[in-house]
Amino acid sequence: ISDVPPEREVEFTIDLVPGTSPISMAPYRKSASELNELKKQLEELLEK
């Protein structure tokens, strides 16, 4: 296939609820000890 399909206009909208604000939260939460252990494991893997 050597031809590129023709461009076409796509209508896309996101309906928002009045008075809401964007959600900002971390996808995963770990305790400090779990985070330190994870960092330690990552550093060990990167050293290999």
PDB file of N, CA and C in Angstrom:
ATOM      1  N   ILE A   1       0.860  -1.182   0.000  1.00  0.00           N
ATOM      2  CA  ILE A   1       0.000   0.000   0.000  1.00  0.00           C
ATOM      3  C   ILE A   1       0.895   1.230   0.000  1.00  0.00           C
ATOM      4  N   SER A   2       0.772   2.016  -1.033  1.00  0.00           N
ATOM      5  CA  SER A   2       1.606   3.207  -1.129  1.00  0.00           C
ATOM      6  C   SER A   2       0.819   4.492  -0.923  1.00  0.00           C
ATOM      7  N   ASP A   3      -0.482   4.399  -0.954  1.00  0.00           N
ATOM      8  CA  ASP A   3      -1.300   5.602  -0.803  1.00  0.00           C
ATOM      9  C   ASP A   3      -1.673   5.825   0.657  1.00  0.00           C
ATOM     10  N   VAL A   4      -1.666   7.067   1.039  1.00  0.00           N
ATOM     11  CA  VAL A   4      -2.090   7.452   2.381  1.00  0.00           C
ATOM     12  C   VAL A   4      -3.585   7.740   2.320  1.00  0.00           C
ATOM     13  N   PRO A   5      -4.352   7.263   3.310  1.00  0.00           N
ATOM     14  CA  PRO A   5      -5.790   7.553   3.268  1.00  0.00           C
ATOM     15  C   PRO A   5      -6.057   9.055   3.341  1.00  0.00           C
ATOM     16  N   PRO A   6      -7.128   9.508   2.742  1.00  0.00           N
ATOM     17  CA  PRO A   6      -7.418  10.951   2.756  1.00  0.00           C
ATOM     18  C   PRO A   6      -7.722  11.444   4.170  1.00  0.00           C
ATOM     19  N   GLU A   7      -7.362  12.703   4.405  1.00  0.00           N
ATOM     20  CA  GLU A   7      -7.667  13.296   5.709  1.00  0.00           C
ATOM     21  C   GLU A   7      -9.165  13.501   5.817  1.00  0.00           C
ATOM     22  N   ARG A   8      -9.681  13.286   7.012  1.00  0.00           N
ATOM     23  CA  ARG A   8     -11.104  13.534   7.222  1.00  0.00           C
ATOM     24  C   ARG A   8     -11.290  14.161   8.591  1.00  0.00           C
ATOM     25  N   GLU A   9     -12.318  14.957   8.688  1.00  0.00           N
ATOM     26  CA  GLU A   9     -12.592  15.673   9.925  1.00  0.00           C
ATOM     27  C   GLU A   9     -13.309  14.743  10.901  1.00  0.00           C
ATOM     28  N   VAL A  10     -12.853  14.750  12.149  1.00  0.00           N
ATOM     29  CA  VAL A  10     -13.457  13.920  13.185  1.00  0.00           C
ATOM     30  C   VAL A  10     -13.998  14.841  14.260  1.00  0.00           C
ATOM     31  N   GLU A  11     -15.256  14.658  14.597  1.00  0.00           N
ATOM     32  CA  GLU A  11     -15.859  15.483  15.646  1.00  0.00           C
ATOM     33  C   GLU A  11     -15.700  14.758  16.978  1.00  0.00           C
ATOM     34  N   PHE A  12     -15.082  15.429  17.946  1.00  0.00           N
ATOM     35  CA  PHE A  12     -14.818  14.823  19.245  1.00  0.00           C
ATOM     36  C   PHE A  12     -15.024  15.866  20.324  1.00  0.00           C
ATOM     37  N   THR A  13     -15.786  15.530  21.351  1.00  0.00           N
ATOM     38  CA  THR A  13     -15.989  16.457  22.467  1.00  0.00           C
ATOM     39  C   THR A  13     -15.977  15.687  23.778  1.00  0.00           C
ATOM     40  N   ILE A  14     -15.644  16.389  24.834  1.00  0.00           N
ATOM     41  CA  ILE A  14     -15.727  15.851  26.190  1.00  0.00           C
ATOM     42  C   ILE A  14     -16.682  16.752  26.947  1.00  0.00           C
ATOM     43  N   ASP A  15     -17.771  16.181  27.412  1.00  0.00           N
ATOM     44  CA  ASP A  15     -18.752  16.962  28.153  1.00  0.00           C
ATOM     45  C   ASP A  15     -18.285  17.139  29.597  1.00  0.00           C
ATOM     46  N   LEU A  16     -18.251  18.383  30.054  1.00  0.00           N
ATOM     47  CA  LEU A  16     -17.818  18.688  31.413  1.00  0.00           C
ATOM     48  C   LEU A  16     -19.008  19.077  32.270  1.00  0.00           C
ATOM     49  N   VAL A  17     -18.928  18.722  33.545  1.00  0.00           N
ATOM     50  CA  VAL A  17     -19.973  19.075  34.492  1.00  0.00           C
ATOM     51  C   VAL A  17     -19.600  20.423  35.102  1.00  0.00           C
ATOM     52  N   PRO A  18     -20.491  21.412  35.085  1.00  0.00           N
ATOM     53  CA  PRO A  18     -20.169  22.727  35.650  1.00  0.00           C
ATOM     54  C   PRO A  18     -19.796  22.630  37.132  1.00  0.00           C
ATOM     55  N   GLY A  19     -18.775  23.385  37.518  1.00  0.00           N
ATOM     56  CA  GLY A  19     -18.362  23.435  38.918  1.00  0.00           C
ATOM     57  C   GLY A  19     -17.347  22.374  39.313  1.00  0.00           C
ATOM     58  N   THR A  20     -16.960  21.498  38.386  1.00  0.00           N
ATOM     59  CA  THR A  20     -15.961  20.486  38.728  1.00  0.00           C
ATOM     60  C   THR A  20     -14.569  21.005  38.423  1.00  0.00           C
ATOM     61  N   SER A  21     -13.573  20.401  39.056  1.00  0.00           N
ATOM     62  CA  SER A  21     -12.189  20.787  38.799  1.00  0.00           C
ATOM     63  C   SER A  21     -11.418  19.547  38.360  1.00  0.00           C
ATOM     64  N   PRO A  22     -10.272  19.734  37.725  1.00  0.00           N
ATOM     65  CA  PRO A  22      -9.480  18.583  37.284  1.00  0.00           C
ATOM     66  C   PRO A  22      -9.047  17.722  38.475  1.00  0.00           C
ATOM     67  N   ILE A  23      -8.997  16.425  38.255  1.00  0.00           N
ATOM     68  CA  ILE A  23      -8.564  15.501  39.300  1.00  0.00           C
ATOM     69  C   ILE A  23      -7.053  15.360  39.207  1.00  0.00           C
ATOM     70  N   SER A  24      -6.381  15.578  40.303  1.00  0.00           N
ATOM     71  CA  SER A  24      -4.933  15.454  40.343  1.00  0.00           C
ATOM     72  C   SER A  24      -4.562  14.527  41.488  1.00  0.00           C
ATOM     73  N   MET A  25      -4.177  13.303  41.142  1.00  0.00           N
ATOM     74  CA  MET A  25      -3.767  12.358  42.174  1.00  0.00           C
ATOM     75  C   MET A  25      -2.747  11.382  41.611  1.00  0.00           C
ATOM     76  N   ALA A  26      -1.881  10.911  42.477  1.00  0.00           N
ATOM     77  CA  ALA A  26      -0.861   9.959  42.061  1.00  0.00           C
ATOM     78  C   ALA A  26      -1.515   8.622  41.720  1.00  0.00           C
ATOM     79  N   PRO A  27      -1.041   7.955  40.665  1.00  0.00           N
ATOM     80  CA  PRO A  27      -1.661   6.690  40.301  1.00  0.00           C
ATOM     81  C   PRO A  27      -1.407   5.574  41.315  1.00  0.00           C
ATOM     82  N   TYR A  28      -0.266   5.619  41.996  1.00  0.00           N
ATOM     83  CA  TYR A  28       0.065   4.607  42.990  1.00  0.00           C
ATOM     84  C   TYR A  28       0.604   5.298  44.229  1.00  0.00           C
ATOM     85  N   ARG A  29       0.243   4.791  45.375  1.00  0.00           N
ATOM     86  CA  ARG A  29       0.760   5.352  46.618  1.00  0.00           C
ATOM     87  C   ARG A  29       1.443   4.245  47.400  1.00  0.00           C
ATOM     88  N   LYS A  30       2.650   4.524  47.848  1.00  0.00           N
ATOM     89  CA  LYS A  30       3.413   3.560  48.627  1.00  0.00           C
ATOM     90  C   LYS A  30       3.890   4.237  49.897  1.00  0.00           C
ATOM     91  N   SER A  31       4.084   3.420  50.914  1.00  0.00           N
ATOM     92  CA  SER A  31       4.632   3.958  52.153  1.00  0.00           C
ATOM     93  C   SER A  31       6.106   4.277  51.918  1.00  0.00           C
ATOM     94  N   ALA A  32       6.694   5.060  52.800  1.00  0.00           N
ATOM     95  CA  ALA A  32       8.097   5.460  52.652  1.00  0.00           C
ATOM     96  C   ALA A  32       9.012   4.239  52.634  1.00  0.00           C
ATOM     97  N   SER A  33       8.735   3.255  53.484  1.00  0.00           N
ATOM     98  CA  SER A  33       9.594   2.066  53.524  1.00  0.00           C
ATOM     99  C   SER A  33       9.475   1.262  52.226  1.00  0.00           C
ATOM    100  N   GLU A  34       8.264   1.155  51.681  1.00  0.00           N
ATOM    101  CA  GLU A  34       8.086   0.445  50.412  1.00  0.00           C
ATOM    102  C   GLU A  34       8.792   1.182  49.281  1.00  0.00           C
ATOM    103  N   LEU A  35       8.713   2.501  49.291  1.00  0.00           N
ATOM    104  CA  LEU A  35       9.359   3.299  48.258  1.00  0.00           C
ATOM    105  C   LEU A  35      10.874   3.151  48.330  1.00  0.00           C
ATOM    106  N   ASN A  36      11.426   3.175  49.540  1.00  0.00           N
ATOM    107  CA  ASN A  36      12.874   3.005  49.701  1.00  0.00           C
ATOM    108  C   ASN A  36      13.315   1.632  49.214  1.00  0.00           C
ATOM    109  N   GLU A  37      12.548   0.604  49.525  1.00  0.00           N
ATOM    110  CA  GLU A  37      12.876  -0.754  49.078  1.00  0.00           C
ATOM    111  C   GLU A  37      12.822  -0.835  47.557  1.00  0.00           C
ATOM    112  N   LEU A  38      11.831  -0.220  46.962  1.00  0.00           N
ATOM    113  CA  LEU A  38      11.705  -0.221  45.509  1.00  0.00           C
ATOM    114  C   LEU A  38      12.879   0.505  44.857  1.00  0.00           C
ATOM    115  N   LYS A  39      13.270   1.639  45.412  1.00  0.00           N
ATOM    116  CA  LYS A  39      14.424   2.383  44.882  1.00  0.00           C
ATOM    117  C   LYS A  39      15.692   1.552  44.982  1.00  0.00           C
ATOM    118  N   LYS A  40      15.858   0.860  46.104  1.00  0.00           N
ATOM    119  CA  LYS A  40      17.042   0.019  46.312  1.00  0.00           C
ATOM    120  C   LYS A  40      17.084  -1.092  45.265  1.00  0.00           C
ATOM    121  N   GLN A  41      15.949  -1.739  45.032  1.00  0.00           N
ATOM    122  CA  GLN A  41      15.886  -2.808  44.032  1.00  0.00           C
ATOM    123  C   GLN A  41      16.180  -2.269  42.635  1.00  0.00           C
ATOM    124  N   LEU A  42      15.666  -1.095  42.327  1.00  0.00           N
ATOM    125  CA  LEU A  42      15.903  -0.488  41.020  1.00  0.00           C
ATOM    126  C   LEU A  42      17.381  -0.179  40.822  1.00  0.00           C
ATOM    127  N   GLU A  43      18.019   0.381  41.840  1.00  0.00           N
ATOM    128  CA  GLU A  43      19.449   0.683  41.748  1.00  0.00           C
ATOM    129  C   GLU A  43      20.261  -0.590  41.540  1.00  0.00           C
ATOM    130  N   GLU A  44      19.889  -1.672  42.243  1.00  0.00           N
ATOM    131  CA  GLU A  44      20.598  -2.941  42.076  1.00  0.00           C
ATOM    132  C   GLU A  44      20.453  -3.465  40.648  1.00  0.00           C
ATOM    133  N   LEU A  45      19.260  -3.342  40.083  1.00  0.00           N
ATOM    134  CA  LEU A  45      19.047  -3.804  38.713  1.00  0.00           C
ATOM    135  C   LEU A  45      19.821  -2.960  37.705  1.00  0.00           C
ATOM    136  N   LEU A  46      19.913  -1.664  37.954  1.00  0.00           N
ATOM    137  CA  LEU A  46      20.626  -0.781  37.027  1.00  0.00           C
ATOM    138  C   LEU A  46      22.132  -0.999  37.073  1.00  0.00           C
ATOM    139  N   GLU A  47      22.639  -1.502  38.195  1.00  0.00           N
ATOM    140  CA  GLU A  47      24.076  -1.754  38.329  1.00  0.00           C
ATOM    141  C   GLU A  47      24.514  -2.966  37.518  1.00  0.00           C
ATOM    142  N   LYS A  48      23.604  -3.867  37.184  1.00  0.00           N
ATOM    143  CA  LYS A  48      23.954  -5.108  36.472  1.00  0.00           C
ATOM    144  C   LYS A  48      24.318  -4.845  35.034  1.00  0.00           C
TER     145      LYS A  48
END
